[in-house]
Amino acid sequence: MEMVNVSGLKNNPTAALRLAQKDLVVVMNRDQPNALLMGVSAGGLLDGKGVKPALATALFRDGHLSLGRAAALAAMDVGQFASHVSRLGIAVVRLSESEAHNDMDTLEQWLASS
């Protein structure tokens, strides 16, 4: 097990991440444990069946990954991943009402000019 303090993590996060790829890292804040870092590759956490698609789905749903990056993480093409999240009730395209109206106006203008 390795240990870094909060200031060391702030000053050099790359070193802590390198350590986490090899072993569990405890992040200390003053004299108290504050967090644990664990490298997902070292622990084989992403090797289980369905783990990568589930992680990609959660990260996409929460807005942390784009559709393309989530699809790559899930080892699916974009179309497959879009179908996958749609089946789960997760919107593939997120637009505000005004953005949707603008898109509809643009589509109507384009159709009228065709």
PDB file of N, CA and C in Angstrom:
ATOM      1  N   MET A   1       0.846  -1.171   0.000  1.00  0.00           N
ATOM      2  CA  MET A   1       0.000   0.000   0.000  1.00  0.00           C
ATOM      3  C   MET A   1       0.889   1.232   0.000  1.00  0.00           C
ATOM      4  N   GLU A   2       0.466   2.233  -0.752  1.00  0.00           N
ATOM      5  CA  GLU A   2       1.210   3.489  -0.853  1.00  0.00           C
ATOM      6  C   GLU A   2       0.411   4.592  -0.174  1.00  0.00           C
ATOM      7  N   MET A   3       1.080   5.733   0.061  1.00  0.00           N
ATOM      8  CA  MET A   3       0.421   6.854   0.709  1.00  0.00           C
ATOM      9  C   MET A   3       0.900   8.155   0.093  1.00  0.00           C
ATOM     10  N   VAL A   4      -0.043   9.066  -0.140  1.00  0.00           N
ATOM     11  CA  VAL A   4       0.288  10.431  -0.550  1.00  0.00           C
ATOM     12  C   VAL A   4      -0.561  11.358   0.307  1.00  0.00           C
ATOM     13  N   ASN A   5      -0.069  12.581   0.508  1.00  0.00           N
ATOM     14  CA  ASN A   5      -0.909  13.539   1.226  1.00  0.00           C
ATOM     15  C   ASN A   5      -1.629  14.419   0.216  1.00  0.00           C
ATOM     16  N   VAL A   6      -2.626  15.147   0.676  1.00  0.00           N
ATOM     17  CA  VAL A   6      -3.452  15.960  -0.210  1.00  0.00           C
ATOM     18  C   VAL A   6      -2.606  16.965  -0.985  1.00  0.00           C
ATOM     19  N   SER A   7      -1.658  17.606  -0.317  1.00  0.00           N
ATOM     20  CA  SER A   7      -0.844  18.596  -1.024  1.00  0.00           C
ATOM     21  C   SER A   7       0.028  17.925  -2.089  1.00  0.00           C
ATOM     22  N   GLY A   8       0.539  16.729  -1.806  1.00  0.00           N
ATOM     23  CA  GLY A   8       1.306  15.993  -2.805  1.00  0.00           C
ATOM     24  C   GLY A   8       0.438  15.595  -3.988  1.00  0.00           C
ATOM     25  N   LEU A   9      -0.812  15.234  -3.711  1.00  0.00           N
ATOM     26  CA  LEU A   9      -1.741  14.892  -4.778  1.00  0.00           C
ATOM     27  C   LEU A   9      -2.044  16.111  -5.637  1.00  0.00           C
ATOM     28  N   LYS A  10      -2.205  17.258  -4.975  1.00  0.00           N
ATOM     29  CA  LYS A  10      -2.494  18.496  -5.703  1.00  0.00           C
ATOM     30  C   LYS A  10      -1.296  18.921  -6.557  1.00  0.00           C
ATOM     31  N   ASN A  11      -0.098  18.820  -6.006  1.00  0.00           N
ATOM     32  CA  ASN A  11       1.110  19.267  -6.706  1.00  0.00           C
ATOM     33  C   ASN A  11       1.557  18.321  -7.816  1.00  0.00           C
ATOM     34  N   ASN A  12       1.327  17.022  -7.633  1.00  0.00           N
ATOM     35  CA  ASN A  12       1.792  16.056  -8.627  1.00  0.00           C
ATOM     36  C   ASN A  12       0.811  14.882  -8.718  1.00  0.00           C
ATOM     37  N   PRO A  13      -0.362  15.117  -9.315  1.00  0.00           N
ATOM     38  CA  PRO A  13      -1.345  14.034  -9.406  1.00  0.00           C
ATOM     39  C   PRO A  13      -0.867  12.858 -10.257  1.00  0.00           C
ATOM     40  N   THR A  14      -0.001  13.119 -11.229  1.00  0.00           N
ATOM     41  CA  THR A  14       0.493  12.050 -12.091  1.00  0.00           C
ATOM     42  C   THR A  14       1.257  10.998 -11.292  1.00  0.00           C
ATOM     43  N   ALA A  15       2.035  11.433 -10.322  1.00  0.00           N
ATOM     44  CA  ALA A  15       2.799  10.478  -9.501  1.00  0.00           C
ATOM     45  C   ALA A  15       1.847   9.577  -8.726  1.00  0.00           C
ATOM     46  N   ALA A  16       0.792  10.149  -8.166  1.00  0.00           N
ATOM     47  CA  ALA A  16      -0.187   9.352  -7.416  1.00  0.00           C
ATOM     48  C   ALA A  16      -0.897   8.371  -8.339  1.00  0.00           C
ATOM     49  N   LEU A  17      -1.215   8.802  -9.553  1.00  0.00           N
ATOM     50  CA  LEU A  17      -1.878   7.902 -10.495  1.00  0.00           C
ATOM     51  C   LEU A  17      -0.964   6.762 -10.918  1.00  0.00           C
ATOM     52  N   ARG A  18       0.330   7.060 -11.083  1.00  0.00           N
ATOM     53  CA  ARG A  18       1.288   5.994 -11.408  1.00  0.00           C
ATOM     54  C   ARG A  18       1.367   4.973 -10.275  1.00  0.00           C
ATOM     55  N   LEU A  19       1.394   5.475  -9.047  1.00  0.00           N
ATOM     56  CA  LEU A  19       1.407   4.569  -7.899  1.00  0.00           C
ATOM     57  C   LEU A  19       0.146   3.711  -7.861  1.00  0.00           C
ATOM     58  N   ALA A  20      -0.994   4.325  -8.174  1.00  0.00           N
ATOM     59  CA  ALA A  20      -2.269   3.617  -8.121  1.00  0.00           C
ATOM     60  C   ALA A  20      -2.358   2.511  -9.167  1.00  0.00           C
ATOM     61  N   GLN A  21      -1.573   2.595 -10.232  1.00  0.00           N
ATOM     62  CA  GLN A  21      -1.573   1.530 -11.230  1.00  0.00           C
ATOM     63  C   GLN A  21      -0.876   0.271 -10.703  1.00  0.00           C
ATOM     64  N   LYS A  22      -0.069   0.446  -9.664  1.00  0.00           N
ATOM     65  CA  LYS A  22       0.675  -0.687  -9.118  1.00  0.00           C
ATOM     66  C   LYS A  22       0.092  -1.206  -7.810  1.00  0.00           C
ATOM     67  N   ASP A  23      -0.508  -0.306  -7.022  1.00  0.00           N
ATOM     68  CA  ASP A  23      -0.957  -0.688  -5.679  1.00  0.00           C
ATOM     69  C   ASP A  23      -2.032   0.285  -5.219  1.00  0.00           C
ATOM     70  N   LEU A  24      -2.677  -0.038  -4.145  1.00  0.00           N
ATOM     71  CA  LEU A  24      -3.661   0.834  -3.526  1.00  0.00           C
ATOM     72  C   LEU A  24      -2.945   2.044  -2.924  1.00  0.00           C
ATOM     73  N   VAL A  25      -3.513   3.245  -3.121  1.00  0.00           N
ATOM     74  CA  VAL A  25      -2.909   4.475  -2.612  1.00  0.00           C
ATOM     75  C   VAL A  25      -3.886   5.129  -1.643  1.00  0.00           C
ATOM     76  N   VAL A  26      -3.432   5.395  -0.446  1.00  0.00           N
ATOM     77  CA  VAL A  26      -4.236   6.103   0.548  1.00  0.00           C
ATOM     78  C   VAL A  26      -3.855   7.575   0.470  1.00  0.00           C
ATOM     79  N   VAL A  27      -4.871   8.438   0.326  1.00  0.00           N
ATOM     80  CA  VAL A  27      -4.649   9.882   0.306  1.00  0.00           C
ATOM     81  C   VAL A  27      -4.939  10.393   1.711  1.00  0.00           C
ATOM     82  N   MET A  28      -3.932  10.994   2.330  1.00  0.00           N
ATOM     83  CA  MET A  28      -4.059  11.481   3.703  1.00  0.00           C
ATOM     84  C   MET A  28      -4.295  12.988   3.711  1.00  0.00           C
ATOM     85  N   ASN A  29      -5.205  13.422   4.570  1.00  0.00           N
ATOM     86  CA  ASN A  29      -5.451  14.840   4.803  1.00  0.00           C
ATOM     87  C   ASN A  29      -5.092  15.087   6.260  1.00  0.00           C
ATOM     88  N   ARG A  30      -4.017  15.793   6.454  1.00  0.00           N
ATOM     89  CA  ARG A  30      -3.383  15.915   7.772  1.00  0.00           C
ATOM     90  C   ARG A  30      -3.008  14.516   8.237  1.00  0.00           C
ATOM     91  N   ASP A  31      -3.540  14.036   9.305  1.00  0.00           N
ATOM     92  CA  ASP A  31      -3.182  12.689   9.765  1.00  0.00           C
ATOM     93  C   ASP A  31      -4.320  11.696   9.597  1.00  0.00           C
ATOM     94  N   GLN A  32      -5.292  12.030   8.760  1.00  0.00           N
ATOM     95  CA  GLN A  32      -6.454  11.162   8.583  1.00  0.00           C
ATOM     96  C   GLN A  32      -6.566  10.687   7.137  1.00  0.00           C
ATOM     97  N   PRO A  33      -6.895   9.415   6.939  1.00  0.00           N
ATOM     98  CA  PRO A  33      -7.136   8.947   5.573  1.00  0.00           C
ATOM     99  C   PRO A  33      -8.357   9.656   4.996  1.00  0.00           C
ATOM    100  N   ASN A  34      -8.231  10.134   3.765  1.00  0.00           N
ATOM    101  CA  ASN A  34      -9.299  10.914   3.152  1.00  0.00           C
ATOM    102  C   ASN A  34      -9.895  10.216   1.938  1.00  0.00           C
ATOM    103  N   ALA A  35      -9.085   9.467   1.202  1.00  0.00           N
ATOM    104  CA  ALA A  35      -9.568   8.807  -0.014  1.00  0.00           C
ATOM    105  C   ALA A  35      -8.648   7.647  -0.365  1.00  0.00           C
ATOM    106  N   LEU A  36      -9.135   6.791  -1.226  1.00  0.00           N
ATOM    107  CA  LEU A  36      -8.346   5.683  -1.760  1.00  0.00           C
ATOM    108  C   LEU A  36      -8.297   5.812  -3.280  1.00  0.00           C
ATOM    109  N   LEU A  37      -7.142   5.564  -3.830  1.00  0.00           N
ATOM    110  CA  LEU A  37      -6.982   5.507  -5.283  1.00  0.00           C
ATOM    111  C   LEU A  37      -6.617   4.081  -5.659  1.00  0.00           C
ATOM    112  N   MET A  38      -7.295   3.568  -6.674  1.00  0.00           N
ATOM    113  CA  MET A  38      -6.987   2.227  -7.160  1.00  0.00           C
ATOM    114  C   MET A  38      -6.983   2.266  -8.673  1.00  0.00           C
ATOM    115  N   GLY A  39      -5.930   1.820  -9.267  1.00  0.00           N
ATOM    116  CA  GLY A  39      -5.860   1.755 -10.720  1.00  0.00           C
ATOM    117  C   GLY A  39      -6.764   0.661 -11.251  1.00  0.00           C
ATOM    118  N   VAL A  40      -7.586   0.979 -12.221  1.00  0.00           N
ATOM    119  CA  VAL A  40      -8.525  -0.014 -12.737  1.00  0.00           C
ATOM    120  C   VAL A  40      -7.828  -1.092 -13.558  1.00  0.00           C
ATOM    121  N   SER A  41      -6.730  -0.775 -14.199  1.00  0.00           N
ATOM    122  CA  SER A  41      -6.022  -1.777 -14.988  1.00  0.00           C
ATOM    123  C   SER A  41      -5.332  -2.796 -14.089  1.00  0.00           C
ATOM    124  N   ALA A  42      -4.685  -2.310 -13.044  1.00  0.00           N
ATOM    125  CA  ALA A  42      -3.940  -3.198 -12.156  1.00  0.00           C
ATOM    126  C   ALA A  42      -4.861  -4.181 -11.448  1.00  0.00           C
ATOM    127  N   GLY A  43      -6.034  -3.715 -11.061  1.00  0.00           N
ATOM    128  CA  GLY A  43      -6.960  -4.579 -10.341  1.00  0.00           C
ATOM    129  C   GLY A  43      -7.796  -5.462 -11.243  1.00  0.00           C
ATOM    130  N   GLY A  44      -7.668  -5.292 -12.555  1.00  0.00           N
ATOM    131  CA  GLY A  44      -8.474  -6.075 -13.478  1.00  0.00           C
ATOM    132  C   GLY A  44      -9.953  -5.740 -13.389  1.00  0.00           C
ATOM    133  N   LEU A  45     -10.254  -4.554 -12.887  1.00  0.00           N
ATOM    134  CA  LEU A  45     -11.644  -4.180 -12.644  1.00  0.00           C
ATOM    135  C   LEU A  45     -12.473  -4.061 -13.912  1.00  0.00           C
ATOM    136  N   LEU A  46     -11.828  -3.760 -15.036  1.00  0.00           N
ATOM    137  CA  LEU A  46     -12.574  -3.579 -16.277  1.00  0.00           C
ATOM    138  C   LEU A  46     -12.663  -4.851 -17.119  1.00  0.00           C
ATOM    139  N   ASP A  47     -12.121  -5.945 -16.604  1.00  0.00           N
ATOM    140  CA  ASP A  47     -12.051  -7.171 -17.392  1.00  0.00           C
ATOM    141  C   ASP A  47     -13.330  -8.003 -17.354  1.00  0.00           C
ATOM    142  N   GLY A  48     -14.177  -7.784 -16.366  1.00  0.00           N
ATOM    143  CA  GLY A  48     -15.398  -8.580 -16.242  1.00  0.00           C
ATOM    144  C   GLY A  48     -16.381  -8.311 -17.370  1.00  0.00           C
ATOM    145  N   LYS A  49     -17.168  -9.313 -17.692  1.00  0.00           N
ATOM    146  CA  LYS A  49     -18.143  -9.185 -18.781  1.00  0.00           C
ATOM    147  C   LYS A  49     -19.162  -8.094 -18.448  1.00  0.00           C
ATOM    148  N   GLY A  50     -19.319  -7.161 -19.367  1.00  0.00           N
ATOM    149  CA  GLY A  50     -20.311  -6.105 -19.215  1.00  0.00           C
ATOM    150  C   GLY A  50     -19.876  -4.912 -18.392  1.00  0.00           C
ATOM    151  N   VAL A  51     -18.661  -4.955 -17.838  1.00  0.00           N
ATOM    152  CA  VAL A  51     -18.210  -3.862 -16.973  1.00  0.00           C
ATOM    153  C   VAL A  51     -17.956  -2.589 -17.779  1.00  0.00           C
ATOM    154  N   LYS A  52     -17.252  -2.716 -18.898  1.00  0.00           N
ATOM    155  CA  LYS A  52     -16.947  -1.526 -19.704  1.00  0.00           C
ATOM    156  C   LYS A  52     -18.214  -0.877 -20.260  1.00  0.00           C
ATOM    157  N   PRO A  53     -19.160  -1.652 -20.826  1.00  0.00           N
ATOM    158  CA  PRO A  53     -20.400  -1.008 -21.279  1.00  0.00           C
ATOM    159  C   PRO A  53     -21.178  -0.341 -20.141  1.00  0.00           C
ATOM    160  N   ALA A  54     -21.195  -0.972 -18.970  1.00  0.00           N
ATOM    161  CA  ALA A  54     -21.918  -0.380 -17.838  1.00  0.00           C
ATOM    162  C   ALA A  54     -21.256   0.913 -17.378  1.00  0.00           C
ATOM    163  N   LEU A  55     -19.934   0.917 -17.317  1.00  0.00           N
ATOM    164  CA  LEU A  55     -19.201   2.123 -16.922  1.00  0.00           C
ATOM    165  C   LEU A  55     -19.396   3.227 -17.957  1.00  0.00           C
ATOM    166  N   ALA A  56     -19.281   2.873 -19.230  1.00  0.00           N
ATOM    167  CA  ALA A  56     -19.462   3.852 -20.302  1.00  0.00           C
ATOM    168  C   ALA A  56     -20.879   4.432 -20.269  1.00  0.00           C
ATOM    169  N   THR A  57     -21.869   3.589 -20.026  1.00  0.00           N
ATOM    170  CA  THR A  57     -23.261   4.037 -19.964  1.00  0.00           C
ATOM    171  C   THR A  57     -23.459   5.029 -18.830  1.00  0.00           C
ATOM    172  N   ALA A  58     -22.931   4.702 -17.660  1.00  0.00           N
ATOM    173  CA  ALA A  58     -23.082   5.595 -16.505  1.00  0.00           C
ATOM    174  C   ALA A  58     -22.371   6.922 -16.735  1.00  0.00           C
ATOM    175  N   LEU A  59     -21.171   6.880 -17.294  1.00  0.00           N
ATOM    176  CA  LEU A  59     -20.430   8.111 -17.549  1.00  0.00           C
ATOM    177  C   LEU A  59     -21.105   8.962 -18.622  1.00  0.00           C
ATOM    178  N   PHE A  60     -21.685   8.326 -19.647  1.00  0.00           N
ATOM    179  CA  PHE A  60     -22.416   9.075 -20.672  1.00  0.00           C
ATOM    180  C   PHE A  60     -23.698   9.668 -20.082  1.00  0.00           C
ATOM    181  N   ARG A  61     -24.447   8.857 -19.344  1.00  0.00           N
ATOM    182  CA  ARG A  61     -25.702   9.313 -18.735  1.00  0.00           C
ATOM    183  C   ARG A  61     -25.482  10.538 -17.861  1.00  0.00           C
ATOM    184  N   ASP A  62     -24.387  10.543 -17.124  1.00  0.00           N
ATOM    185  CA  ASP A  62     -24.109  11.639 -16.194  1.00  0.00           C
ATOM    186  C   ASP A  62     -23.404  12.816 -16.854  1.00  0.00           C
ATOM    187  N   GLY A  63     -23.159  12.725 -18.171  1.00  0.00           N
ATOM    188  CA  GLY A  63     -22.575  13.837 -18.912  1.00  0.00           C
ATOM    189  C   GLY A  63     -21.069  13.960 -18.806  1.00  0.00           C
ATOM    190  N   HIS A  64     -20.390  12.897 -18.371  1.00  0.00           N
ATOM    191  CA  HIS A  64     -18.941  12.950 -18.223  1.00  0.00           C
ATOM    192  C   HIS A  64     -18.197  12.523 -19.488  1.00  0.00           C
ATOM    193  N   LEU A  65     -18.866  11.759 -20.362  1.00  0.00           N
ATOM    194  CA  LEU A  65     -18.263  11.329 -21.621  1.00  0.00           C
ATOM    195  C   LEU A  65     -19.204  11.654 -22.772  1.00  0.00           C
ATOM    196  N   SER A  66     -18.621  12.006 -23.905  1.00  0.00           N
ATOM    197  CA  SER A  66     -19.414  12.201 -25.117  1.00  0.00           C
ATOM    198  C   SER A  66     -19.881  10.839 -25.618  1.00  0.00           C
ATOM    199  N   LEU A  67     -20.805  10.865 -26.560  1.00  0.00           N
ATOM    200  CA  LEU A  67     -21.316   9.620 -27.136  1.00  0.00           C
ATOM    201  C   LEU A  67     -20.179   8.819 -27.773  1.00  0.00           C
ATOM    202  N   GLY A  68     -19.314   9.491 -28.523  1.00  0.00           N
ATOM    203  CA  GLY A  68     -18.207   8.804 -29.196  1.00  0.00           C
ATOM    204  C   GLY A  68     -17.215   8.189 -28.223  1.00  0.00           C
ATOM    205  N   ARG A  69     -16.855   8.936 -27.205  1.00  0.00           N
ATOM    206  CA  ARG A  69     -15.885   8.409 -26.228  1.00  0.00           C
ATOM    207  C   ARG A  69     -16.490   7.276 -25.401  1.00  0.00           C
ATOM    208  N   ALA A  70     -17.770   7.409 -25.061  1.00  0.00           N
ATOM    209  CA  ALA A  70     -18.438   6.340 -24.310  1.00  0.00           C
ATOM    210  C   ALA A  70     -18.526   5.074 -25.162  1.00  0.00           C
ATOM    211  N   ALA A  71     -18.837   5.239 -26.443  1.00  0.00           N
ATOM    212  CA  ALA A  71     -18.895   4.081 -27.339  1.00  0.00           C
ATOM    213  C   ALA A  71     -17.533   3.395 -27.422  1.00  0.00           C
ATOM    214  N   ALA A  72     -16.469   4.178 -27.517  1.00  0.00           N
ATOM    215  CA  ALA A  72     -15.122   3.602 -27.575  1.00  0.00           C
ATOM    216  C   ALA A  72     -14.800   2.839 -26.291  1.00  0.00           C
ATOM    217  N   LEU A  73     -15.145   3.418 -25.134  1.00  0.00           N
ATOM    218  CA  LEU A  73     -14.902   2.729 -23.868  1.00  0.00           C
ATOM    219  C   LEU A  73     -15.682   1.422 -23.803  1.00  0.00           C
ATOM    220  N   ALA A  74     -16.905   1.435 -24.308  1.00  0.00           N
ATOM    221  CA  ALA A  74     -17.752   0.244 -24.285  1.00  0.00           C
ATOM    222  C   ALA A  74     -17.367  -0.771 -25.359  1.00  0.00           C
ATOM    223  N   ALA A  75     -16.399  -0.416 -26.219  1.00  0.00           N
ATOM    224  CA  ALA A  75     -15.968  -1.266 -27.332  1.00  0.00           C
ATOM    225  C   ALA A  75     -17.128  -1.540 -28.287  1.00  0.00           C
ATOM    226  N   MET A  76     -17.916  -0.485 -28.558  1.00  0.00           N
ATOM    227  CA  MET A  76     -19.033  -0.566 -29.509  1.00  0.00           C
ATOM    228  C   MET A  76     -18.853   0.552 -30.526  1.00  0.00           C
ATOM    229  N   ASP A  77     -19.473   0.377 -31.699  1.00  0.00           N
ATOM    230  CA  ASP A  77     -19.484   1.524 -32.595  1.00  0.00           C
ATOM    231  C   ASP A  77     -20.566   2.488 -32.099  1.00  0.00           C
ATOM    232  N   VAL A  78     -20.541   3.708 -32.591  1.00  0.00           N
ATOM    233  CA  VAL A  78     -21.425   4.759 -32.075  1.00  0.00           C
ATOM    234  C   VAL A  78     -22.892   4.371 -32.239  1.00  0.00           C
ATOM    235  N   GLY A  79     -23.238   3.786 -33.371  1.00  0.00           N
ATOM    236  CA  GLY A  79     -24.625   3.377 -33.601  1.00  0.00           C
ATOM    237  C   GLY A  79     -25.093   2.329 -32.604  1.00  0.00           C
ATOM    238  N   GLN A  80     -24.241   1.339 -32.346  1.00  0.00           N
ATOM    239  CA  GLN A  80     -24.590   0.303 -31.365  1.00  0.00           C
ATOM    240  C   GLN A  80     -24.767   0.909 -29.979  1.00  0.00           C
ATOM    241  N   PHE A  81     -23.849   1.802 -29.610  1.00  0.00           N
ATOM    242  CA  PHE A  81     -23.932   2.395 -28.278  1.00  0.00           C
ATOM    243  C   PHE A  81     -25.163   3.288 -28.149  1.00  0.00           C
ATOM    244  N   ALA A  82     -25.478   4.048 -29.215  1.00  0.00           N
ATOM    245  CA  ALA A  82     -26.674   4.894 -29.195  1.00  0.00           C
ATOM    246  C   ALA A  82     -27.921   4.040 -29.017  1.00  0.00           C
ATOM    247  N   SER A  83     -27.997   2.912 -29.706  1.00  0.00           N
ATOM    248  CA  SER A  83     -29.136   1.994 -29.538  1.00  0.00           C
ATOM    249  C   SER A  83     -29.179   1.436 -28.126  1.00  0.00           C
ATOM    250  N   HIS A  84     -28.014   1.081 -27.610  1.00  0.00           N
ATOM    251  CA  HIS A  84     -27.911   0.527 -26.257  1.00  0.00           C
ATOM    252  C   HIS A  84     -28.458   1.504 -25.215  1.00  0.00           C
ATOM    253  N   VAL A  85     -27.993   2.752 -25.245  1.00  0.00           N
ATOM    254  CA  VAL A  85     -28.457   3.706 -24.227  1.00  0.00           C
ATOM    255  C   VAL A  85     -29.915   4.087 -24.461  1.00  0.00           C
ATOM    256  N   SER A  86     -30.350   4.121 -25.705  1.00  0.00           N
ATOM    257  CA  SER A  86     -31.758   4.421 -25.990  1.00  0.00           C
ATOM    258  C   SER A  86     -32.668   3.359 -25.392  1.00  0.00           C
ATOM    259  N   ARG A  87     -32.276   2.088 -25.527  1.00  0.00           N
ATOM    260  CA  ARG A  87     -33.066   1.004 -24.926  1.00  0.00           C
ATOM    261  C   ARG A  87     -33.175   1.154 -23.416  1.00  0.00           C
ATOM    262  N   LEU A  88     -32.164   1.794 -22.816  1.00  0.00           N
ATOM    263  CA  LEU A  88     -32.167   2.004 -21.368  1.00  0.00           C
ATOM    264  C   LEU A  88     -32.899   3.281 -20.960  1.00  0.00           C
ATOM    265  N   GLY A  89     -33.444   3.994 -21.947  1.00  0.00           N
ATOM    266  CA  GLY A  89     -34.190   5.215 -21.658  1.00  0.00           C
ATOM    267  C   GLY A  89     -33.311   6.440 -21.460  1.00  0.00           C
ATOM    268  N   ILE A  90     -32.080   6.373 -21.939  1.00  0.00           N
ATOM    269  CA  ILE A  90     -31.151   7.497 -21.826  1.00  0.00           C
ATOM    270  C   ILE A  90     -31.144   8.243 -23.151  1.00  0.00           C
ATOM    271  N   ALA A  91     -31.402   9.539 -23.094  1.00  0.00           N
ATOM    272  CA  ALA A  91     -31.445  10.345 -24.313  1.00  0.00           C
ATOM    273  C   ALA A  91     -30.065  10.410 -24.954  1.00  0.00           C
ATOM    274  N   VAL A  92     -30.019  10.172 -26.252  1.00  0.00           N
ATOM    275  CA  VAL A  92     -28.763  10.255 -26.989  1.00  0.00           C
ATOM    276  C   VAL A  92     -28.432  11.711 -27.295  1.00  0.00           C
ATOM    277  N   VAL A  93     -29.445  12.484 -27.615  1.00  0.00           N
ATOM    278  CA  VAL A  93     -29.276  13.907 -27.915  1.00  0.00           C
ATOM    279  C   VAL A  93     -29.966  14.688 -26.816  1.00  0.00           C
ATOM    280  N   ARG A  94     -29.232  15.596 -26.222  1.00  0.00           N
ATOM    281  CA  ARG A  94     -29.787  16.412 -25.139  1.00  0.00           C
ATOM    282  C   ARG A  94     -29.838  17.856 -25.596  1.00  0.00           C
ATOM    283  N   LEU A  95     -31.037  18.330 -25.857  1.00  0.00           N
ATOM    284  CA  LEU A  95     -31.217  19.708 -26.276  1.00  0.00           C
ATOM    285  C   LEU A  95     -32.180  20.408 -25.341  1.00  0.00           C
ATOM    286  N   SER A  96     -31.937  21.686 -25.123  1.00  0.00           N
ATOM    287  CA  SER A  96     -32.912  22.486 -24.390  1.00  0.00           C
ATOM    288  C   SER A  96     -34.078  22.754 -25.330  1.00  0.00           C
ATOM    289  N   GLU A  97     -35.148  23.268 -24.787  1.00  0.00           N
ATOM    290  CA  GLU A  97     -36.315  23.561 -25.610  1.00  0.00           C
ATOM    291  C   GLU A  97     -35.975  24.564 -26.711  1.00  0.00           C
ATOM    292  N   SER A  98     -35.219  25.592 -26.366  1.00  0.00           N
ATOM    293  CA  SER A  98     -34.866  26.605 -27.372  1.00  0.00           C
ATOM    294  C   SER A  98     -33.951  26.015 -28.447  1.00  0.00           C
ATOM    295  N   GLU A  99     -33.027  25.137 -28.064  1.00  0.00           N
ATOM    296  CA  GLU A  99     -32.157  24.496 -29.051  1.00  0.00           C
ATOM    297  C   GLU A  99     -32.969  23.604 -29.990  1.00  0.00           C
ATOM    298  N   ALA A 100     -33.938  22.902 -29.445  1.00  0.00           N
ATOM    299  CA  ALA A 100     -34.791  22.047 -30.271  1.00  0.00           C
ATOM    300  C   ALA A 100     -35.595  22.889 -31.257  1.00  0.00           C
ATOM    301  N   HIS A 101     -36.144  24.017 -30.779  1.00  0.00           N
ATOM    302  CA  HIS A 101     -36.890  24.908 -31.678  1.00  0.00           C
ATOM    303  C   HIS A 101     -35.975  25.461 -32.772  1.00  0.00           C
ATOM    304  N   ASN A 102     -34.771  25.862 -32.419  1.00  0.00           N
ATOM    305  CA  ASN A 102     -33.818  26.363 -33.420  1.00  0.00           C
ATOM    306  C   ASN A 102     -33.498  25.296 -34.459  1.00  0.00           C
ATOM    307  N   ASP A 103     -33.292  24.064 -34.004  1.00  0.00           N
ATOM    308  CA  ASP A 103     -33.018  22.974 -34.936  1.00  0.00           C
ATOM    309  C   ASP A 103     -34.207  22.728 -35.860  1.00  0.00           C
ATOM    310  N   MET A 104     -35.414  22.788 -35.308  1.00  0.00           N
ATOM    311  CA  MET A 104     -36.610  22.596 -36.139  1.00  0.00           C
ATOM    312  C   MET A 104     -36.751  23.725 -37.160  1.00  0.00           C
ATOM    313  N   ASP A 105     -36.476  24.959 -36.737  1.00  0.00           N
ATOM    314  CA  ASP A 105     -36.519  26.094 -37.670  1.00  0.00           C
ATOM    315  C   ASP A 105     -35.513  25.909 -38.800  1.00  0.00           C
ATOM    316  N   THR A 106     -34.315  25.488 -38.448  1.00  0.00           N
ATOM    317  CA  THR A 106     -33.277  25.248 -39.458  1.00  0.00           C
ATOM    318  C   THR A 106     -33.704  24.148 -40.417  1.00  0.00           C
ATOM    319  N   LEU A 107     -34.275  23.077 -39.886  1.00  0.00           N
ATOM    320  CA  LEU A 107     -34.744  21.973 -40.735  1.00  0.00           C
ATOM    321  C   LEU A 107     -35.845  22.456 -41.675  1.00  0.00           C
ATOM    322  N   GLU A 108     -36.789  23.224 -41.146  1.00  0.00           N
ATOM    323  CA  GLU A 108     -37.880  23.725 -41.983  1.00  0.00           C
ATOM    324  C   GLU A 108     -37.344  24.638 -43.097  1.00  0.00           C
ATOM    325  N   GLN A 109     -36.368  25.488 -42.771  1.00  0.00           N
ATOM    326  CA  GLN A 109     -35.757  26.363 -43.786  1.00  0.00           C
ATOM    327  C   GLN A 109     -35.043  25.526 -44.848  1.00  0.00           C
ATOM    328  N   TRP A 110     -34.346  24.519 -44.424  1.00  0.00           N
ATOM    329  CA  TRP A 110     -33.627  23.650 -45.354  1.00  0.00           C
ATOM    330  C   TRP A 110     -34.598  22.906 -46.265  1.00  0.00           C
ATOM    331  N   LEU A 111     -35.689  22.378 -45.677  1.00  0.00           N
ATOM    332  CA  LEU A 111     -36.677  21.655 -46.480  1.00  0.00           C
ATOM    333  C   LEU A 111     -37.376  22.596 -47.475  1.00  0.00           C
ATOM    334  N   ALA A 112     -37.625  23.836 -47.051  1.00  0.00           N
ATOM    335  CA  ALA A 112     -38.276  24.799 -47.935  1.00  0.00           C
ATOM    336  C   ALA A 112     -37.373  25.174 -49.104  1.00  0.00           C
ATOM    337  N   SER A 113     -36.087  25.177 -48.897  1.00  0.00           N
ATOM    338  CA  SER A 113     -35.154  25.570 -49.968  1.00  0.00           C
ATOM    339  C   SER A 113     -34.840  24.417 -50.920  1.00  0.00           C
ATOM    340  N   SER A 114     -35.234  23.210 -50.565  1.00  0.00           N
ATOM    341  CA  SER A 114     -34.924  22.040 -51.399  1.00  0.00           C
ATOM    342  C   SER A 114     -35.855  21.914 -52.564  1.00  0.00           C
TER     343      SER A 114
END
